[in-house]
Amino acid sequence: MNKLNRRNFLKTSVAAGSGLLIARFSHAQEIVTEGDGIAVAMGYAADHTTVDTAKWPKKGGADGAQQQCTTCSLYQAGDDGYGMCPIFAGKRVHAAGWCNGWVPA
């Protein structure tokens, strides 16, 4: 019978932990919808050209036309036209989206 010693325990723990991490991040993450609570509070729009500039004057400013997720310093590019944003904790945002948290890159 195989004895469980410190070395085997650590190897098994590392393998199991790695498997859990791979499983956690390998599937597609949920996409933010405009109706999500934080999205409503931040004025998120999946299409930056549809933002109500009367309600969100930051988007209506001089550089408003260039404001979208891909030009924000918080945006982390992904694939399929979506990326990650720390404002929306673990959810993907549309690359052409916008929210009031936009920060110039």
N, C-alpha and C. Protein backbone atom coordinates (compact mmCIF):
# COMPACT_ATOMS: atom_id res chain seq x y z
N MET A 1 0.84 -1.18 0.00
CA MET A 1 0.00 0.00 0.00
C MET A 1 0.88 1.24 0.00
N ASN A 2 0.49 2.24 -0.75
CA ASN A 2 1.27 3.46 -0.88
C ASN A 2 1.03 4.36 0.34
N LYS A 3 2.10 4.71 1.00
CA LYS A 3 1.98 5.58 2.17
C LYS A 3 1.82 7.02 1.71
N LEU A 4 1.01 7.77 2.43
CA LEU A 4 0.84 9.18 2.15
C LEU A 4 1.89 9.94 2.97
N ASN A 5 2.88 10.46 2.29
CA ASN A 5 3.88 11.25 2.99
C ASN A 5 3.77 12.70 2.50
N ARG A 6 4.58 13.55 3.05
CA ARG A 6 4.52 14.97 2.73
C ARG A 6 4.71 15.22 1.24
N ARG A 7 5.67 14.57 0.62
CA ARG A 7 5.96 14.77 -0.79
C ARG A 7 4.76 14.39 -1.67
N ASN A 8 4.19 13.22 -1.42
CA ASN A 8 3.02 12.79 -2.19
C ASN A 8 1.82 13.70 -1.94
N PHE A 9 1.65 14.13 -0.70
CA PHE A 9 0.56 15.03 -0.37
C PHE A 9 0.69 16.35 -1.14
N LEU A 10 1.90 16.91 -1.16
CA LEU A 10 2.11 18.17 -1.87
C LEU A 10 1.89 18.01 -3.38
N LYS A 11 2.40 16.92 -3.95
CA LYS A 11 2.19 16.68 -5.38
C LYS A 11 0.70 16.55 -5.71
N THR A 12 -0.01 15.83 -4.90
CA THR A 12 -1.45 15.65 -5.12
C THR A 12 -2.19 16.98 -4.96
N SER A 13 -1.81 17.75 -3.96
CA SER A 13 -2.45 19.05 -3.72
C SER A 13 -2.21 20.01 -4.88
N VAL A 14 -1.00 20.08 -5.38
CA VAL A 14 -0.68 20.96 -6.51
C VAL A 14 -1.45 20.52 -7.75
N ALA A 15 -1.50 19.24 -8.00
CA ALA A 15 -2.23 18.73 -9.17
C ALA A 15 -3.72 19.05 -9.06
N ALA A 16 -4.29 18.84 -7.91
CA ALA A 16 -5.71 19.11 -7.71
C ALA A 16 -6.01 20.61 -7.82
N GLY A 17 -5.15 21.43 -7.21
CA GLY A 17 -5.33 22.88 -7.28
C GLY A 17 -5.22 23.39 -8.70
N SER A 18 -4.26 22.87 -9.45
CA SER A 18 -4.11 23.27 -10.85
C SER A 18 -5.33 22.88 -11.66
N GLY A 19 -5.84 21.71 -11.41
CA GLY A 19 -7.04 21.25 -12.11
C GLY A 19 -8.23 22.15 -11.83
N LEU A 20 -8.38 22.57 -10.59
CA LEU A 20 -9.48 23.47 -10.24
C LEU A 20 -9.33 24.82 -10.91
N LEU A 21 -8.12 25.36 -10.96
CA LEU A 21 -7.90 26.64 -11.63
C LEU A 21 -8.20 26.55 -13.12
N ILE A 22 -7.74 25.50 -13.74
CA ILE A 22 -8.00 25.31 -15.17
C ILE A 22 -9.50 25.21 -15.42
N ALA A 23 -10.19 24.46 -14.59
CA ALA A 23 -11.63 24.30 -14.75
C ALA A 23 -12.36 25.63 -14.53
N ARG A 24 -11.88 26.42 -13.60
CA ARG A 24 -12.53 27.70 -13.28
C ARG A 24 -12.42 28.69 -14.41
N PHE A 25 -11.27 28.77 -15.06
CA PHE A 25 -11.04 29.79 -16.06
C PHE A 25 -11.12 29.30 -17.50
N SER A 26 -11.32 28.02 -17.73
CA SER A 26 -11.34 27.52 -19.09
C SER A 26 -12.69 27.70 -19.77
N HIS A 27 -13.75 27.82 -19.03
CA HIS A 27 -15.05 28.02 -19.65
C HIS A 27 -15.31 29.50 -19.90
N ALA A 28 -16.19 29.78 -20.82
CA ALA A 28 -16.51 31.16 -21.16
C ALA A 28 -17.14 31.86 -19.96
N GLN A 29 -16.68 33.03 -19.68
CA GLN A 29 -17.21 33.80 -18.57
C GLN A 29 -18.52 34.47 -18.99
N GLU A 30 -19.33 34.77 -18.01
CA GLU A 30 -20.62 35.41 -18.25
C GLU A 30 -20.40 36.81 -18.83
N ILE A 31 -21.32 37.23 -19.68
CA ILE A 31 -21.24 38.55 -20.31
C ILE A 31 -22.15 39.52 -19.56
N VAL A 32 -21.67 40.73 -19.32
CA VAL A 32 -22.45 41.76 -18.65
C VAL A 32 -23.62 42.15 -19.54
N THR A 33 -24.79 42.27 -18.94
CA THR A 33 -25.94 42.78 -19.67
C THR A 33 -26.26 44.18 -19.16
N GLU A 34 -26.92 44.95 -19.98
CA GLU A 34 -27.22 46.33 -19.59
C GLU A 34 -28.18 46.40 -18.41
N GLY A 35 -28.86 45.30 -18.09
CA GLY A 35 -29.79 45.27 -16.97
C GLY A 35 -29.17 44.83 -15.65
N ASP A 36 -27.91 44.37 -15.66
CA ASP A 36 -27.24 43.99 -14.41
C ASP A 36 -27.16 45.21 -13.49
N GLY A 37 -27.25 44.96 -12.20
CA GLY A 37 -27.27 46.05 -11.22
C GLY A 37 -26.11 47.02 -11.35
N ILE A 38 -24.88 46.52 -11.39
CA ILE A 38 -23.71 47.40 -11.50
C ILE A 38 -23.67 48.07 -12.86
N ALA A 39 -24.16 47.38 -13.90
CA ALA A 39 -24.19 47.96 -15.24
C ALA A 39 -25.14 49.15 -15.28
N VAL A 40 -26.29 49.03 -14.64
CA VAL A 40 -27.25 50.14 -14.59
C VAL A 40 -26.64 51.32 -13.86
N ALA A 41 -26.01 51.05 -12.72
CA ALA A 41 -25.40 52.11 -11.92
C ALA A 41 -24.27 52.82 -12.65
N MET A 42 -23.54 52.08 -13.49
CA MET A 42 -22.40 52.65 -14.21
C MET A 42 -22.78 53.17 -15.60
N GLY A 43 -24.04 53.00 -16.00
CA GLY A 43 -24.47 53.46 -17.32
C GLY A 43 -23.91 52.62 -18.45
N TYR A 44 -23.63 51.35 -18.20
CA TYR A 44 -23.04 50.49 -19.23
C TYR A 44 -23.96 50.32 -20.42
N ALA A 45 -23.38 50.44 -21.60
CA ALA A 45 -24.07 50.16 -22.86
C ALA A 45 -23.16 49.27 -23.68
N ALA A 46 -23.71 48.20 -24.25
CA ALA A 46 -22.92 47.29 -25.06
C ALA A 46 -22.45 47.95 -26.34
N ASP A 47 -23.16 48.98 -26.78
CA ASP A 47 -22.78 49.75 -27.98
C ASP A 47 -22.60 51.20 -27.55
N HIS A 48 -21.38 51.68 -27.57
CA HIS A 48 -21.07 53.02 -27.05
C HIS A 48 -21.79 54.14 -27.80
N THR A 49 -22.27 53.87 -29.00
CA THR A 49 -22.95 54.92 -29.78
C THR A 49 -24.39 55.13 -29.30
N THR A 50 -24.90 54.26 -28.43
CA THR A 50 -26.28 54.38 -27.95
C THR A 50 -26.39 55.01 -26.57
N VAL A 51 -25.29 55.48 -26.02
CA VAL A 51 -25.29 56.07 -24.67
C VAL A 51 -26.07 57.38 -24.68
N ASP A 52 -26.92 57.56 -23.69
CA ASP A 52 -27.68 58.80 -23.52
C ASP A 52 -26.74 59.86 -22.95
N THR A 53 -26.27 60.75 -23.81
CA THR A 53 -25.28 61.75 -23.38
C THR A 53 -25.88 62.82 -22.47
N ALA A 54 -27.20 62.95 -22.47
CA ALA A 54 -27.84 63.88 -21.53
C ALA A 54 -27.73 63.33 -20.11
N LYS A 55 -27.88 62.02 -19.99
CA LYS A 55 -27.79 61.38 -18.68
C LYS A 55 -26.34 61.15 -18.26
N TRP A 56 -25.47 60.90 -19.24
CA TRP A 56 -24.06 60.62 -18.98
C TRP A 56 -23.20 61.64 -19.74
N PRO A 57 -23.07 62.87 -19.21
CA PRO A 57 -22.35 63.94 -19.91
C PRO A 57 -20.87 63.64 -20.18
N LYS A 58 -20.29 62.75 -19.43
CA LYS A 58 -18.89 62.37 -19.67
C LYS A 58 -18.74 61.84 -21.10
N LYS A 59 -19.70 61.06 -21.55
CA LYS A 59 -19.67 60.50 -22.90
C LYS A 59 -19.95 61.58 -23.95
N GLY A 60 -20.65 62.62 -23.57
CA GLY A 60 -20.97 63.69 -24.50
C GLY A 60 -19.89 64.74 -24.64
N GLY A 61 -18.79 64.59 -23.93
CA GLY A 61 -17.71 65.57 -23.96
C GLY A 61 -16.95 65.57 -25.28
N ALA A 62 -15.91 66.38 -25.35
CA ALA A 62 -15.13 66.56 -26.58
C ALA A 62 -14.54 65.24 -27.09
N ASP A 63 -14.08 64.40 -26.21
CA ASP A 63 -13.49 63.12 -26.64
C ASP A 63 -14.48 61.96 -26.52
N GLY A 64 -15.75 62.26 -26.36
CA GLY A 64 -16.78 61.25 -26.17
C GLY A 64 -16.89 60.23 -27.29
N ALA A 65 -16.69 60.66 -28.51
CA ALA A 65 -16.81 59.73 -29.64
C ALA A 65 -15.76 58.63 -29.59
N GLN A 66 -14.61 58.91 -28.99
CA GLN A 66 -13.54 57.91 -28.90
C GLN A 66 -13.66 57.05 -27.65
N GLN A 67 -14.57 57.38 -26.75
CA GLN A 67 -14.72 56.62 -25.51
C GLN A 67 -15.47 55.32 -25.77
N GLN A 68 -14.78 54.22 -25.57
CA GLN A 68 -15.38 52.88 -25.60
C GLN A 68 -14.46 51.96 -24.83
N CYS A 69 -14.92 50.77 -24.56
CA CYS A 69 -14.14 49.87 -23.70
C CYS A 69 -12.72 49.65 -24.22
N THR A 70 -12.54 49.52 -25.52
CA THR A 70 -11.20 49.25 -26.06
C THR A 70 -10.22 50.41 -25.85
N THR A 71 -10.72 51.61 -25.61
CA THR A 71 -9.83 52.74 -25.37
C THR A 71 -9.72 53.08 -23.88
N CYS A 72 -10.28 52.24 -23.04
CA CYS A 72 -10.23 52.44 -21.58
C CYS A 72 -9.02 51.72 -21.00
N SER A 73 -8.37 52.35 -20.04
CA SER A 73 -7.18 51.73 -19.44
C SER A 73 -7.53 50.52 -18.57
N LEU A 74 -8.78 50.36 -18.18
CA LEU A 74 -9.19 49.23 -17.36
C LEU A 74 -9.49 47.98 -18.18
N TYR A 75 -9.74 48.14 -19.45
CA TYR A 75 -10.16 47.04 -20.32
C TYR A 75 -9.00 46.09 -20.59
N GLN A 76 -9.29 44.80 -20.47
CA GLN A 76 -8.31 43.75 -20.75
C GLN A 76 -8.85 42.94 -21.93
N ALA A 77 -8.23 43.11 -23.09
CA ALA A 77 -8.72 42.49 -24.33
C ALA A 77 -8.84 40.99 -24.19
N GLY A 78 -9.88 40.47 -24.81
CA GLY A 78 -10.12 39.03 -24.82
C GLY A 78 -10.30 38.56 -26.25
N ASP A 79 -11.30 37.74 -26.46
CA ASP A 79 -11.58 37.24 -27.80
C ASP A 79 -13.06 37.42 -28.13
N ASP A 80 -13.41 37.20 -29.37
CA ASP A 80 -14.80 37.28 -29.84
C ASP A 80 -15.44 38.65 -29.58
N GLY A 81 -14.65 39.71 -29.57
CA GLY A 81 -15.20 41.04 -29.38
C GLY A 81 -15.54 41.39 -27.94
N TYR A 82 -15.05 40.59 -26.99
CA TYR A 82 -15.30 40.84 -25.58
C TYR A 82 -13.98 40.84 -24.81
N GLY A 83 -13.99 41.49 -23.66
CA GLY A 83 -12.82 41.50 -22.79
C GLY A 83 -13.26 41.61 -21.34
N MET A 84 -12.31 41.64 -20.46
CA MET A 84 -12.58 41.71 -19.02
C MET A 84 -12.42 43.14 -18.52
N CYS A 85 -13.21 43.47 -17.51
CA CYS A 85 -13.12 44.77 -16.86
C CYS A 85 -13.28 44.56 -15.36
N PRO A 86 -12.35 45.07 -14.55
CA PRO A 86 -12.44 44.85 -13.10
C PRO A 86 -13.67 45.49 -12.46
N ILE A 87 -14.28 46.46 -13.12
CA ILE A 87 -15.49 47.08 -12.57
C ILE A 87 -16.61 46.05 -12.47
N PHE A 88 -16.65 45.14 -13.43
CA PHE A 88 -17.73 44.16 -13.51
C PHE A 88 -17.32 42.78 -13.00
N ALA A 89 -16.36 42.72 -12.13
CA ALA A 89 -15.92 41.54 -11.38
C ALA A 89 -16.22 40.19 -12.02
N GLY A 90 -15.35 39.77 -12.90
CA GLY A 90 -15.44 38.43 -13.46
C GLY A 90 -16.36 38.27 -14.64
N LYS A 91 -16.97 39.35 -15.11
CA LYS A 91 -17.84 39.27 -16.27
C LYS A 91 -17.16 39.96 -17.45
N ARG A 92 -17.50 39.49 -18.65
CA ARG A 92 -16.93 40.08 -19.86
C ARG A 92 -17.79 41.24 -20.34
N VAL A 93 -17.15 42.23 -20.93
CA VAL A 93 -17.84 43.38 -21.51
C VAL A 93 -17.58 43.42 -23.00
N HIS A 94 -18.49 44.03 -23.73
CA HIS A 94 -18.33 44.14 -25.17
C HIS A 94 -17.24 45.17 -25.47
N ALA A 95 -16.41 44.86 -26.44
CA ALA A 95 -15.29 45.75 -26.80
C ALA A 95 -15.78 47.13 -27.22
N ALA A 96 -16.94 47.19 -27.86
CA ALA A 96 -17.48 48.47 -28.32
C ALA A 96 -18.40 49.10 -27.28
N GLY A 97 -18.36 48.59 -26.04
CA GLY A 97 -19.22 49.11 -24.98
C GLY A 97 -18.67 50.37 -24.35
N TRP A 98 -19.40 50.86 -23.36
CA TRP A 98 -18.99 52.06 -22.62
C TRP A 98 -19.65 52.02 -21.26
N CYS A 99 -18.97 52.60 -20.26
CA CYS A 99 -19.60 52.86 -18.96
C CYS A 99 -18.98 54.12 -18.37
N ASN A 100 -19.59 54.65 -17.35
CA ASN A 100 -19.14 55.90 -16.74
C ASN A 100 -17.79 55.74 -16.02
N GLY A 101 -17.33 54.54 -15.88
CA GLY A 101 -16.01 54.30 -15.27
C GLY A 101 -14.88 54.42 -16.27
N TRP A 102 -15.17 54.81 -17.51
CA TRP A 102 -14.16 54.90 -18.57
C TRP A 102 -13.00 55.80 -18.14
N VAL A 103 -11.78 55.30 -18.32
CA VAL A 103 -10.55 56.02 -17.97
C VAL A 103 -9.65 56.01 -19.20
N PRO A 104 -9.15 57.18 -19.64
CA PRO A 104 -8.30 57.20 -20.84
C PRO A 104 -7.06 56.32 -20.67
N ALA A 105 -6.72 55.65 -21.75
CA ALA A 105 -5.54 54.76 -21.73
C ALA A 105 -4.26 55.55 -21.88
